[in-house]
Amino acid sequence: MSIFKTKLKTFESSITGTKTSYNVNTAFWLYLEEDFGIKQGDLSNLYETENNLTTAKVVVCILKANKFETTLEEVLENTNEIELAQFIIDFQTALYDVDDNQTKDAKNKSEGKSDQ
C-alpha cells in the first residue's frame, strides 16, 4: 500500500492499440538509467544524435513506470516514428500542464500560421 495520497497528472494514448490512461510520474528516469544507462543530463545530446531510438527508449521507460512490461524491441516493432513522438508530446503536455490554447499556439507556430 502506498503512503502517497496525491493524485498524479495523467494523459491518454493509444500507442498499445488500446486507449489507455497513463500516469505522469518521474519513475521513468529510474528505468532509463537502469535499462539503458541514460542519465537525465545526457538525454538532450542523445536526442540530437539518435532521435528515434532515444524516443523509443523513453517510451519504454514511461510504459514501465506505468507497470507495463515491455522491451525496446517490442516498442520498435509495433510503433512508428509519429506514434512515438505523439506519445512523448502527450506525456510532456501533461507533465508541464500545457493548456489547449498553448498547444494550438505552438502547433500554429510550427506550421507557420498565426492567430490573426
PDB file of N, CA and C in Angstrom:
ATOM      1  N   MET A   1       0.842  -1.186   0.000  1.00  0.00           N
ATOM      2  CA  MET A   1       0.000   0.000   0.000  1.00  0.00           C
ATOM      3  C   MET A   1       0.883   1.243   0.000  1.00  0.00           C
ATOM      4  N   SER A   2       0.513   2.188  -0.811  1.00  0.00           N
ATOM      5  CA  SER A   2       1.306   3.401  -0.949  1.00  0.00           C
ATOM      6  C   SER A   2       1.028   4.376   0.183  1.00  0.00           C
ATOM      7  N   ILE A   3       2.061   5.085   0.582  1.00  0.00           N
ATOM      8  CA  ILE A   3       1.890   6.123   1.594  1.00  0.00           C
ATOM      9  C   ILE A   3       1.402   7.427   0.970  1.00  0.00           C
ATOM     10  N   PHE A   4       1.457   7.512  -0.347  1.00  0.00           N
ATOM     11  CA  PHE A   4       1.082   8.742  -1.038  1.00  0.00           C
ATOM     12  C   PHE A   4      -0.417   8.804  -1.280  1.00  0.00           C
ATOM     13  N   LYS A   5      -0.972   9.954  -1.008  1.00  0.00           N
ATOM     14  CA  LYS A   5      -2.403  10.182  -1.221  1.00  0.00           C
ATOM     15  C   LYS A   5      -2.634  11.219  -2.309  1.00  0.00           C
ATOM     16  N   THR A   6      -1.566  11.643  -2.954  1.00  0.00           N
ATOM     17  CA  THR A   6      -1.678  12.648  -4.008  1.00  0.00           C
ATOM     18  C   THR A   6      -2.130  11.997  -5.305  1.00  0.00           C
ATOM     19  N   LYS A   7      -2.674  12.815  -6.182  1.00  0.00           N
ATOM     20  CA  LYS A   7      -3.118  12.325  -7.482  1.00  0.00           C
ATOM     21  C   LYS A   7      -2.174  12.865  -8.550  1.00  0.00           C
ATOM     22  N   LEU A   8      -1.646  11.968  -9.355  1.00  0.00           N
ATOM     23  CA  LEU A   8      -0.734  12.357 -10.423  1.00  0.00           C
ATOM     24  C   LEU A   8      -1.503  12.847 -11.641  1.00  0.00           C
ATOM     25  N   LYS A   9      -0.843  13.669 -12.431  1.00  0.00           N
ATOM     26  CA  LYS A   9      -1.403  14.063 -13.722  1.00  0.00           C
ATOM     27  C   LYS A   9      -1.435  12.831 -14.609  1.00  0.00           C
ATOM     28  N   THR A  10      -2.339  12.820 -15.559  1.00  0.00           N
ATOM     29  CA  THR A  10      -2.446  11.687 -16.476  1.00  0.00           C
ATOM     30  C   THR A  10      -2.582  12.190 -17.911  1.00  0.00           C
ATOM     31  N   PHE A  11      -2.355  11.287 -18.837  1.00  0.00           N
ATOM     32  CA  PHE A  11      -2.621  11.553 -20.247  1.00  0.00           C
ATOM     33  C   PHE A  11      -3.098  10.255 -20.867  1.00  0.00           C
ATOM     34  N   GLU A  12      -3.780  10.369 -21.998  1.00  0.00           N
ATOM     35  CA  GLU A  12      -4.281   9.180 -22.685  1.00  0.00           C
ATOM     36  C   GLU A  12      -3.529   8.974 -23.986  1.00  0.00           C
ATOM     37  N   SER A  13      -3.351   7.709 -24.327  1.00  0.00           N
ATOM     38  CA  SER A  13      -2.682   7.352 -25.571  1.00  0.00           C
ATOM     39  C   SER A  13      -3.195   6.004 -26.040  1.00  0.00           C
ATOM     40  N   SER A  14      -3.141   5.806 -27.342  1.00  0.00           N
ATOM     41  CA  SER A  14      -3.496   4.516 -27.944  1.00  0.00           C
ATOM     42  C   SER A  14      -2.261   3.828 -28.519  1.00  0.00           C
ATOM     43  N   ILE A  15      -1.098   4.134 -27.991  1.00  0.00           N
ATOM     44  CA  ILE A  15       0.144   3.603 -28.543  1.00  0.00           C
ATOM     45  C   ILE A  15       0.188   2.075 -28.517  1.00  0.00           C
ATOM     46  N   THR A  16      -0.504   1.457 -27.581  1.00  0.00           N
ATOM     47  CA  THR A  16      -0.514  -0.010 -27.490  1.00  0.00           C
ATOM     48  C   THR A  16      -1.646  -0.636 -28.301  1.00  0.00           C
ATOM     49  N   GLY A  17      -2.459   0.197 -28.941  1.00  0.00           N
ATOM     50  CA  GLY A  17      -3.601  -0.305 -29.694  1.00  0.00           C
ATOM     51  C   GLY A  17      -4.902  -0.174 -28.933  1.00  0.00           C
ATOM     52  N   THR A  18      -4.811   0.146 -27.668  1.00  0.00           N
ATOM     53  CA  THR A  18      -5.973   0.362 -26.816  1.00  0.00           C
ATOM     54  C   THR A  18      -5.796   1.697 -26.114  1.00  0.00           C
ATOM     55  N   LYS A  19      -6.831   2.525 -26.133  1.00  0.00           N
ATOM     56  CA  LYS A  19      -6.741   3.815 -25.452  1.00  0.00           C
ATOM     57  C   LYS A  19      -6.594   3.567 -23.953  1.00  0.00           C
ATOM     58  N   THR A  20      -5.511   4.077 -23.405  1.00  0.00           N
ATOM     59  CA  THR A  20      -5.173   3.842 -22.007  1.00  0.00           C
ATOM     60  C   THR A  20      -4.760   5.152 -21.364  1.00  0.00           C
ATOM     61  N   SER A  21      -5.055   5.283 -20.083  1.00  0.00           N
ATOM     62  CA  SER A  21      -4.638   6.445 -19.316  1.00  0.00           C
ATOM     63  C   SER A  21      -3.317   6.118 -18.617  1.00  0.00           C
ATOM     64  N   TYR A  22      -2.362   7.015 -18.732  1.00  0.00           N
ATOM     65  CA  TYR A  22      -1.036   6.825 -18.145  1.00  0.00           C
ATOM     66  C   TYR A  22      -0.768   7.905 -17.108  1.00  0.00           C
ATOM     67  N   ASN A  23      -0.142   7.518 -16.002  1.00  0.00           N
ATOM     68  CA  ASN A  23       0.281   8.484 -15.000  1.00  0.00           C
ATOM     69  C   ASN A  23       1.539   9.190 -15.471  1.00  0.00           C
ATOM     70  N   VAL A  24       1.623  10.462 -15.154  1.00  0.00           N
ATOM     71  CA  VAL A  24       2.833  11.226 -15.422  1.00  0.00           C
ATOM     72  C   VAL A  24       3.630  11.229 -14.126  1.00  0.00           C
ATOM     73  N   ASN A  25       4.610  10.345 -14.060  1.00  0.00           N
ATOM     74  CA  ASN A  25       5.464  10.294 -12.883  1.00  0.00           C
ATOM     75  C   ASN A  25       6.917  10.337 -13.324  1.00  0.00           C
ATOM     76  N   THR A  26       7.799  10.486 -12.382  1.00  0.00           N
ATOM     77  CA  THR A  26       9.214  10.591 -12.726  1.00  0.00           C
ATOM     78  C   THR A  26       9.961   9.279 -12.537  1.00  0.00           C
ATOM     79  N   ALA A  27       9.252   8.209 -12.290  1.00  0.00           N
ATOM     80  CA  ALA A  27       9.895   6.899 -12.149  1.00  0.00           C
ATOM     81  C   ALA A  27      10.565   6.461 -13.445  1.00  0.00           C
ATOM     82  N   PHE A  28      10.144   7.024 -14.574  1.00  0.00           N
ATOM     83  CA  PHE A  28      10.759   6.622 -15.840  1.00  0.00           C
ATOM     84  C   PHE A  28      12.252   6.931 -15.863  1.00  0.00           C
ATOM     85  N   TRP A  29      12.695   7.938 -15.077  1.00  0.00           N
ATOM     86  CA  TRP A  29      14.131   8.239 -15.021  1.00  0.00           C
ATOM     87  C   TRP A  29      14.917   7.061 -14.450  1.00  0.00           C
ATOM     88  N   LEU A  30      14.334   6.371 -13.475  1.00  0.00           N
ATOM     89  CA  LEU A  30      14.997   5.191 -12.901  1.00  0.00           C
ATOM     90  C   LEU A  30      15.165   4.103 -13.945  1.00  0.00           C
ATOM     91  N   TYR A  31      14.105   3.849 -14.702  1.00  0.00           N
ATOM     92  CA  TYR A  31      14.169   2.828 -15.747  1.00  0.00           C
ATOM     93  C   TYR A  31      15.129   3.236 -16.862  1.00  0.00           C
ATOM     94  N   LEU A  32      15.150   4.510 -17.189  1.00  0.00           N
ATOM     95  CA  LEU A  32      16.027   4.989 -18.255  1.00  0.00           C
ATOM     96  C   LEU A  32      17.497   4.739 -17.907  1.00  0.00           C
ATOM     97  N   GLU A  33      17.840   4.990 -16.653  1.00  0.00           N
ATOM     98  CA  GLU A  33      19.225   4.755 -16.240  1.00  0.00           C
ATOM     99  C   GLU A  33      19.497   3.264 -16.046  1.00  0.00           C
ATOM    100  N   GLU A  34      18.561   2.573 -15.413  1.00  0.00           N
ATOM    101  CA  GLU A  34      18.748   1.148 -15.134  1.00  0.00           C
ATOM    102  C   GLU A  34      18.795   0.309 -16.410  1.00  0.00           C
ATOM    103  N   ASP A  35      17.867   0.553 -17.323  1.00  0.00           N
ATOM    104  CA  ASP A  35      17.758  -0.278 -18.526  1.00  0.00           C
ATOM    105  C   ASP A  35      18.707   0.137 -19.650  1.00  0.00           C
ATOM    106  N   PHE A  36      18.969   1.443 -19.762  1.00  0.00           N
ATOM    107  CA  PHE A  36      19.717   1.930 -20.915  1.00  0.00           C
ATOM    108  C   PHE A  36      20.963   2.739 -20.561  1.00  0.00           C
ATOM    109  N   GLY A  37      21.209   2.943 -19.266  1.00  0.00           N
ATOM    110  CA  GLY A  37      22.383   3.703 -18.849  1.00  0.00           C
ATOM    111  C   GLY A  37      22.316   5.175 -19.200  1.00  0.00           C
ATOM    112  N   ILE A  38      21.110   5.685 -19.405  1.00  0.00           N
ATOM    113  CA  ILE A  38      20.932   7.090 -19.789  1.00  0.00           C
ATOM    114  C   ILE A  38      20.586   7.909 -18.553  1.00  0.00           C
ATOM    115  N   LYS A  39      21.410   8.910 -18.280  1.00  0.00           N
ATOM    116  CA  LYS A  39      21.147   9.830 -17.176  1.00  0.00           C
ATOM    117  C   LYS A  39      20.398  11.044 -17.717  1.00  0.00           C
ATOM    118  N   GLN A  40      19.700  11.711 -16.827  1.00  0.00           N
ATOM    119  CA  GLN A  40      18.861  12.834 -17.224  1.00  0.00           C
ATOM    120  C   GLN A  40      19.642  13.881 -18.020  1.00  0.00           C
ATOM    121  N   GLY A  41      20.853  14.187 -17.604  1.00  0.00           N
ATOM    122  CA  GLY A  41      21.654  15.205 -18.275  1.00  0.00           C
ATOM    123  C   GLY A  41      22.126  14.813 -19.666  1.00  0.00           C
ATOM    124  N   ASP A  42      22.096  13.515 -19.975  1.00  0.00           N
ATOM    125  CA  ASP A  42      22.559  13.033 -21.277  1.00  0.00           C
ATOM    126  C   ASP A  42      21.457  12.999 -22.330  1.00  0.00           C
ATOM    127  N   LEU A  43      20.225  13.141 -21.908  1.00  0.00           N
ATOM    128  CA  LEU A  43      19.095  12.897 -22.801  1.00  0.00           C
ATOM    129  C   LEU A  43      19.064  13.833 -24.009  1.00  0.00           C
ATOM    130  N   SER A  44      19.269  15.118 -23.797  1.00  0.00           N
ATOM    131  CA  SER A  44      19.169  16.049 -24.931  1.00  0.00           C
ATOM    132  C   SER A  44      20.245  15.771 -25.981  1.00  0.00           C
ATOM    133  N   ASN A  45      21.447  15.401 -25.557  1.00  0.00           N
ATOM    134  CA  ASN A  45      22.500  15.051 -26.525  1.00  0.00           C
ATOM    135  C   ASN A  45      22.121  13.811 -27.317  1.00  0.00           C
ATOM    136  N   LEU A  46      21.518  12.838 -26.664  1.00  0.00           N
ATOM    137  CA  LEU A  46      21.108  11.615 -27.353  1.00  0.00           C
ATOM    138  C   LEU A  46      19.993  11.887 -28.354  1.00  0.00           C
ATOM    139  N   TYR A  47      19.082  12.803 -28.018  1.00  0.00           N
ATOM    140  CA  TYR A  47      18.026  13.170 -28.967  1.00  0.00           C
ATOM    141  C   TYR A  47      18.631  13.753 -30.245  1.00  0.00           C
ATOM    142  N   GLU A  48      19.729  14.470 -30.117  1.00  0.00           N
ATOM    143  CA  GLU A  48      20.369  15.070 -31.293  1.00  0.00           C
ATOM    144  C   GLU A  48      21.043  14.027 -32.172  1.00  0.00           C
ATOM    145  N   THR A  49      21.600  12.981 -31.567  1.00  0.00           N
ATOM    146  CA  THR A  49      22.364  12.001 -32.344  1.00  0.00           C
ATOM    147  C   THR A  49      21.574  10.749 -32.700  1.00  0.00           C
ATOM    148  N   GLU A  50      20.636  10.358 -31.846  1.00  0.00           N
ATOM    149  CA  GLU A  50      19.852   9.130 -32.062  1.00  0.00           C
ATOM    150  C   GLU A  50      18.394   9.389 -31.721  1.00  0.00           C
ATOM    151  N   ASN A  51      17.776  10.311 -32.430  1.00  0.00           N
ATOM    152  CA  ASN A  51      16.445  10.786 -32.064  1.00  0.00           C
ATOM    153  C   ASN A  51      15.414   9.676 -31.932  1.00  0.00           C
ATOM    154  N   ASN A  52      15.217   8.876 -32.956  1.00  0.00           N
ATOM    155  CA  ASN A  52      14.151   7.873 -32.926  1.00  0.00           C
ATOM    156  C   ASN A  52      14.409   6.788 -31.892  1.00  0.00           C
ATOM    157  N   LEU A  53      15.636   6.322 -31.811  1.00  0.00           N
ATOM    158  CA  LEU A  53      15.968   5.282 -30.846  1.00  0.00           C
ATOM    159  C   LEU A  53      15.834   5.802 -29.418  1.00  0.00           C
ATOM    160  N   THR A  54      16.270   7.029 -29.195  1.00  0.00           N
ATOM    161  CA  THR A  54      16.143   7.629 -27.869  1.00  0.00           C
ATOM    162  C   THR A  54      14.679   7.822 -27.503  1.00  0.00           C
ATOM    163  N   THR A  55      13.873   8.281 -28.449  1.00  0.00           N
ATOM    164  CA  THR A  55      12.439   8.439 -28.204  1.00  0.00           C
ATOM    165  C   THR A  55      11.814   7.106 -27.821  1.00  0.00           C
ATOM    166  N   ALA A  56      12.157   6.049 -28.528  1.00  0.00           N
ATOM    167  CA  ALA A  56      11.619   4.719 -28.222  1.00  0.00           C
ATOM    168  C   ALA A  56      12.042   4.270 -26.827  1.00  0.00           C
ATOM    169  N   LYS A  57      13.267   4.555 -26.440  1.00  0.00           N
ATOM    170  CA  LYS A  57      13.743   4.185 -25.100  1.00  0.00           C
ATOM    171  C   LYS A  57      12.951   4.915 -24.021  1.00  0.00           C
ATOM    172  N   VAL A  58      12.687   6.195 -24.244  1.00  0.00           N
ATOM    173  CA  VAL A  58      11.899   6.961 -23.271  1.00  0.00           C
ATOM    174  C   VAL A  58      10.480   6.401 -23.189  1.00  0.00           C
ATOM    175  N   VAL A  59       9.888   6.057 -24.329  1.00  0.00           N
ATOM    176  CA  VAL A  59       8.545   5.463 -24.334  1.00  0.00           C
ATOM    177  C   VAL A  59       8.540   4.167 -23.530  1.00  0.00           C
ATOM    178  N   VAL A  60       9.532   3.312 -23.746  1.00  0.00           N
ATOM    179  CA  VAL A  60       9.636   2.058 -22.983  1.00  0.00           C
ATOM    180  C   VAL A  60       9.635   2.356 -21.489  1.00  0.00           C
ATOM    181  N   CYS A  61      10.408   3.340 -21.091  1.00  0.00           N
ATOM    182  CA  CYS A  61      10.540   3.645 -19.669  1.00  0.00           C
ATOM    183  C   CYS A  61       9.279   4.269 -19.082  1.00  0.00           C
ATOM    184  N   ILE A  62       8.574   5.072 -19.861  1.00  0.00           N
ATOM    185  CA  ILE A  62       7.293   5.616 -19.388  1.00  0.00           C
ATOM    186  C   ILE A  62       6.287   4.480 -19.224  1.00  0.00           C
ATOM    187  N   LEU A  63       6.264   3.551 -20.169  1.00  0.00           N
ATOM    188  CA  LEU A  63       5.370   2.392 -20.049  1.00  0.00           C
ATOM    189  C   LEU A  63       5.721   1.567 -18.813  1.00  0.00           C
ATOM    190  N   LYS A  64       7.008   1.325 -18.585  1.00  0.00           N
ATOM    191  CA  LYS A  64       7.433   0.564 -17.408  1.00  0.00           C
ATOM    192  C   LYS A  64       7.071   1.296 -16.117  1.00  0.00           C
ATOM    193  N   ALA A  65       7.200   2.617 -16.115  1.00  0.00           N
ATOM    194  CA  ALA A  65       6.836   3.409 -14.939  1.00  0.00           C
ATOM    195  C   ALA A  65       5.342   3.339 -14.661  1.00  0.00           C
ATOM    196  N   ASN A  66       4.576   2.894 -15.662  1.00  0.00           N
ATOM    197  CA  ASN A  66       3.134   2.706 -15.512  1.00  0.00           C
ATOM    198  C   ASN A  66       2.766   1.231 -15.382  1.00  0.00           C
ATOM    199  N   LYS A  67       3.747   0.411 -15.002  1.00  0.00           N
ATOM    200  CA  LYS A  67       3.563  -1.023 -14.691  1.00  0.00           C
ATOM    201  C   LYS A  67       3.288  -1.901 -15.903  1.00  0.00           C
ATOM    202  N   PHE A  68       3.675  -1.447 -17.101  1.00  0.00           N
ATOM    203  CA  PHE A  68       3.569  -2.285 -18.291  1.00  0.00           C
ATOM    204  C   PHE A  68       4.909  -2.984 -18.500  1.00  0.00           C
ATOM    205  N   GLU A  69       4.861  -4.263 -18.814  1.00  0.00           N
ATOM    206  CA  GLU A  69       6.083  -4.996 -19.126  1.00  0.00           C
ATOM    207  C   GLU A  69       6.290  -4.948 -20.631  1.00  0.00           C
ATOM    208  N   THR A  70       7.398  -4.367 -21.055  1.00  0.00           N
ATOM    209  CA  THR A  70       7.696  -4.264 -22.480  1.00  0.00           C
ATOM    210  C   THR A  70       9.196  -4.181 -22.673  1.00  0.00           C
ATOM    211  N   THR A  71       9.602  -4.273 -23.909  1.00  0.00           N
ATOM    212  CA  THR A  71      11.017  -4.159 -24.256  1.00  0.00           C
ATOM    213  C   THR A  71      11.176  -3.135 -25.369  1.00  0.00           C
ATOM    214  N   LEU A  72      12.401  -2.712 -25.570  1.00  0.00           N
ATOM    215  CA  LEU A  72      12.691  -1.790 -26.661  1.00  0.00           C
ATOM    216  C   LEU A  72      12.331  -2.423 -27.997  1.00  0.00           C
ATOM    217  N   GLU A  73      12.658  -3.679 -28.153  1.00  0.00           N
ATOM    218  CA  GLU A  73      12.354  -4.375 -29.399  1.00  0.00           C
ATOM    219  C   GLU A  73      10.854  -4.404 -29.672  1.00  0.00           C
ATOM    220  N   GLU A  74      10.070  -4.682 -28.628  1.00  0.00           N
ATOM    221  CA  GLU A  74       8.616  -4.740 -28.799  1.00  0.00           C
ATOM    222  C   GLU A  74       8.063  -3.381 -29.217  1.00  0.00           C
ATOM    223  N   VAL A  75       8.535  -2.330 -28.573  1.00  0.00           N
ATOM    224  CA  VAL A  75       8.069  -0.986 -28.916  1.00  0.00           C
ATOM    225  C   VAL A  75       8.455  -0.634 -30.349  1.00  0.00           C
ATOM    226  N   LEU A  76       9.702  -0.910 -30.729  1.00  0.00           N
ATOM    227  CA  LEU A  76      10.155  -0.578 -32.083  1.00  0.00           C
ATOM    228  C   LEU A  76       9.436  -1.390 -33.154  1.00  0.00           C
ATOM    229  N   GLU A  77       9.104  -2.636 -32.854  1.00  0.00           N
ATOM    230  CA  GLU A  77       8.423  -3.492 -33.829  1.00  0.00           C
ATOM    231  C   GLU A  77       6.953  -3.135 -34.015  1.00  0.00           C
ATOM    232  N   ASN A  78       6.360  -2.441 -33.045  1.00  0.00           N
ATOM    233  CA  ASN A  78       4.917  -2.214 -33.073  1.00  0.00           C
ATOM    234  C   ASN A  78       4.497  -0.753 -33.155  1.00  0.00           C
ATOM    235  N   THR A  79       5.447   0.150 -33.365  1.00  0.00           N
ATOM    236  CA  THR A  79       5.118   1.575 -33.462  1.00  0.00           C
ATOM    237  C   THR A  79       5.893   2.199 -34.617  1.00  0.00           C
ATOM    238  N   ASN A  80       5.469   3.406 -34.974  1.00  0.00           N
ATOM    239  CA  ASN A  80       6.230   4.169 -35.964  1.00  0.00           C
ATOM    240  C   ASN A  80       6.696   5.472 -35.318  1.00  0.00           C
ATOM    241  N   GLU A  81       7.479   6.240 -36.058  1.00  0.00           N
ATOM    242  CA  GLU A  81       8.060   7.473 -35.524  1.00  0.00           C
ATOM    243  C   GLU A  81       7.000   8.454 -35.034  1.00  0.00           C
ATOM    244  N   ILE A  82       5.915   8.555 -35.780  1.00  0.00           N
ATOM    245  CA  ILE A  82       4.860   9.505 -35.418  1.00  0.00           C
ATOM    246  C   ILE A  82       4.190   9.094 -34.113  1.00  0.00           C
ATOM    247  N   GLU A  83       3.889   7.822 -33.958  1.00  0.00           N
ATOM    248  CA  GLU A  83       3.263   7.342 -32.721  1.00  0.00           C
ATOM    249  C   GLU A  83       4.176   7.564 -31.520  1.00  0.00           C
ATOM    250  N   LEU A  84       5.459   7.299 -31.695  1.00  0.00           N
ATOM    251  CA  LEU A  84       6.413   7.515 -30.606  1.00  0.00           C
ATOM    252  C   LEU A  84       6.482   8.989 -30.230  1.00  0.00           C
ATOM    253  N   ALA A  85       6.599   9.845 -31.234  1.00  0.00           N
ATOM    254  CA  ALA A  85       6.687  11.283 -30.976  1.00  0.00           C
ATOM    255  C   ALA A  85       5.416  11.800 -30.314  1.00  0.00           C
ATOM    256  N   GLN A  86       4.243  11.340 -30.775  1.00  0.00           N
ATOM    257  CA  GLN A  86       2.980  11.797 -30.197  1.00  0.00           C
ATOM    258  C   GLN A  86       2.855  11.374 -28.736  1.00  0.00           C
ATOM    259  N   PHE A  87       3.304  10.169 -28.416  1.00  0.00           N
ATOM    260  CA  PHE A  87       3.273   9.686 -27.033  1.00  0.00           C
ATOM    261  C   PHE A  87       4.111  10.603 -26.139  1.00  0.00           C
ATOM    262  N   ILE A  88       5.296  10.961 -26.595  1.00  0.00           N
ATOM    263  CA  ILE A  88       6.170  11.847 -25.819  1.00  0.00           C
ATOM    264  C   ILE A  88       5.558  13.237 -25.699  1.00  0.00           C
ATOM    265  N   ILE A  89       4.981  13.743 -26.778  1.00  0.00           N
ATOM    266  CA  ILE A  89       4.327  15.057 -26.737  1.00  0.00           C
ATOM    267  C   ILE A  89       3.180  15.044 -25.734  1.00  0.00           C
ATOM    268  N   ASP A  90       2.365  13.995 -25.749  1.00  0.00           N
ATOM    269  CA  ASP A  90       1.244  13.895 -24.808  1.00  0.00           C
ATOM    270  C   ASP A  90       1.745  13.830 -23.367  1.00  0.00           C
ATOM    271  N   PHE A  91       2.813  13.074 -23.148  1.00  0.00           N
ATOM    272  CA  PHE A  91       3.418  12.980 -21.814  1.00  0.00           C
ATOM    273  C   PHE A  91       3.906  14.354 -21.357  1.00  0.00           C
ATOM    274  N   GLN A  92       4.649  15.045 -22.210  1.00  0.00           N
ATOM    275  CA  GLN A  92       5.198  16.348 -21.844  1.00  0.00           C
ATOM    276  C   GLN A  92       4.111  17.403 -21.667  1.00  0.00           C
ATOM    277  N   THR A  93       3.077  17.334 -22.482  1.00  0.00           N
ATOM    278  CA  THR A  93       1.966  18.274 -22.347  1.00  0.00           C
ATOM    279  C   THR A  93       1.322  18.132 -20.975  1.00  0.00           C
ATOM    280  N   ALA A  94       1.096  16.899 -20.543  1.00  0.00           N
ATOM    281  CA  ALA A  94       0.525  16.670 -19.216  1.00  0.00           C
ATOM    282  C   ALA A  94       1.524  17.046 -18.122  1.00  0.00           C
ATOM    283  N   LEU A  95       2.783  16.690 -18.315  1.00  0.00           N
ATOM    284  CA  LEU A  95       3.821  16.969 -17.322  1.00  0.00           C
ATOM    285  C   LEU A  95       3.931  18.457 -17.041  1.00  0.00           C
ATOM    286  N   TYR A  96       3.974  19.238 -18.104  1.00  0.00           N
ATOM    287  CA  TYR A  96       4.148  20.677 -17.944  1.00  0.00           C
ATOM    288  C   TYR A  96       2.832  21.426 -17.892  1.00  0.00           C
ATOM    289  N   ASP A  97       1.715  20.685 -17.885  1.00  0.00           N
ATOM    290  CA  ASP A  97       0.383  21.255 -17.720  1.00  0.00           C
ATOM    291  C   ASP A  97       0.086  22.327 -18.766  1.00  0.00           C
ATOM    292  N   VAL A  98       0.404  22.019 -19.997  1.00  0.00           N
ATOM    293  CA  VAL A  98       0.145  22.941 -21.102  1.00  0.00           C
ATOM    294  C   VAL A  98      -1.336  22.870 -21.437  1.00  0.00           C
ATOM    295  N   ASP A  99      -2.002  24.028 -21.479  1.00  0.00           N
ATOM    296  CA  ASP A  99      -3.428  24.008 -21.798  1.00  0.00           C
ATOM    297  C   ASP A  99      -3.631  23.977 -23.313  1.00  0.00           C
ATOM    298  N   ASP A 100      -4.875  23.800 -23.731  1.00  0.00           N
ATOM    299  CA  ASP A 100      -5.192  23.657 -25.149  1.00  0.00           C
ATOM    300  C   ASP A 100      -4.776  24.866 -25.981  1.00  0.00           C
ATOM    301  N   ASN A 101      -4.945  26.075 -25.448  1.00  0.00           N
ATOM    302  CA  ASN A 101      -4.566  27.271 -26.200  1.00  0.00           C
ATOM    303  C   ASN A 101      -3.065  27.306 -26.458  1.00  0.00           C
ATOM    304  N   GLN A 102      -2.267  26.929 -25.457  1.00  0.00           N
ATOM    305  CA  GLN A 102      -0.819  26.896 -25.645  1.00  0.00           C
ATOM    306  C   GLN A 102      -0.446  25.838 -26.674  1.00  0.00           C
ATOM    307  N   THR A 103      -1.125  24.703 -26.640  1.00  0.00           N
ATOM    308  CA  THR A 103      -0.853  23.633 -27.593  1.00  0.00           C
ATOM    309  C   THR A 103      -1.183  24.091 -29.005  1.00  0.00           C
ATOM    310  N   LYS A 104      -2.345  24.742 -29.185  1.00  0.00           N
ATOM    311  CA  LYS A 104      -2.737  25.240 -30.503  1.00  0.00           C
ATOM    312  C   LYS A 104      -1.766  26.305 -30.995  1.00  0.00           C
ATOM    313  N   ASP A 105      -1.364  27.213 -30.093  1.00  0.00           N
ATOM    314  CA  ASP A 105      -0.417  28.257 -30.472  1.00  0.00           C
ATOM    315  C   ASP A 105       0.906  27.654 -30.930  1.00  0.00           C
ATOM    316  N   ALA A 106       1.399  26.672 -30.203  1.00  0.00           N
ATOM    317  CA  ALA A 106       2.665  26.024 -30.565  1.00  0.00           C
ATOM    318  C   ALA A 106       2.541  25.302 -31.898  1.00  0.00           C
ATOM    319  N   LYS A 107       1.417  24.637 -32.120  1.00  0.00           N
ATOM    320  CA  LYS A 107       1.208  23.918 -33.376  1.00  0.00           C
ATOM    321  C   LYS A 107       1.131  24.904 -34.537  1.00  0.00           C
ATOM    322  N   ASN A 108       0.365  25.992 -34.351  1.00  0.00           N
ATOM    323  CA  ASN A 108       0.254  27.001 -35.404  1.00  0.00           C
ATOM    324  C   ASN A 108       1.615  27.622 -35.716  1.00  0.00           C
ATOM    325  N   LYS A 109       2.380  27.895 -34.675  1.00  0.00           N
ATOM    326  CA  LYS A 109       3.700  28.491 -34.869  1.00  0.00           C
ATOM    327  C   LYS A 109       4.600  27.545 -35.656  1.00  0.00           C
ATOM    328  N   SER A 110       4.535  26.250 -35.337  1.00  0.00           N
ATOM    329  CA  SER A 110       5.381  25.283 -36.043  1.00  0.00           C
ATOM    330  C   SER A 110       4.947  25.112 -37.498  1.00  0.00           C
ATOM    331  N   GLU A 111       3.669  25.405 -37.788  1.00  0.00           N
ATOM    332  CA  GLU A 111       3.160  25.293 -39.156  1.00  0.00           C
ATOM    333  C   GLU A 111       3.212  26.630 -39.891  1.00  0.00           C
ATOM    334  N   GLY A 112       3.725  27.673 -39.219  1.00  0.00           N
ATOM    335  CA  GLY A 112       3.846  28.978 -39.852  1.00  0.00           C
ATOM    336  C   GLY A 112       2.553  29.752 -39.917  1.00  0.00           C
ATOM    337  N   LYS A 113       1.570  29.378 -39.112  1.00  0.00           N
ATOM    338  CA  LYS A 113       0.283  30.071 -39.092  1.00  0.00           C
ATOM    339  C   LYS A 113       0.271  31.070 -37.945  1.00  0.00           C
ATOM    340  N   SER A 114      -0.644  32.030 -38.020  1.00  0.00           N
ATOM    341  CA  SER A 114      -0.831  32.970 -36.918  1.00  0.00           C
ATOM    342  C   SER A 114      -2.306  33.018 -36.566  1.00  0.00           C
ATOM    343  N   ASP A 115      -2.590  33.568 -35.390  1.00  0.00           N
ATOM    344  CA  ASP A 115      -3.978  33.666 -34.928  1.00  0.00           C
ATOM    345  C   ASP A 115      -4.726  34.794 -35.616  1.00  0.00           C
ATOM    346  N   GLN A 116      -4.026  35.663 -36.295  1.00  0.00           N
ATOM    347  CA  GLN A 116      -4.645  36.849 -36.870  1.00  0.00           C
ATOM    348  C   GLN A 116      -5.356  36.560 -38.146  1.00  0.00           C
TER     349      GLN A 116
END
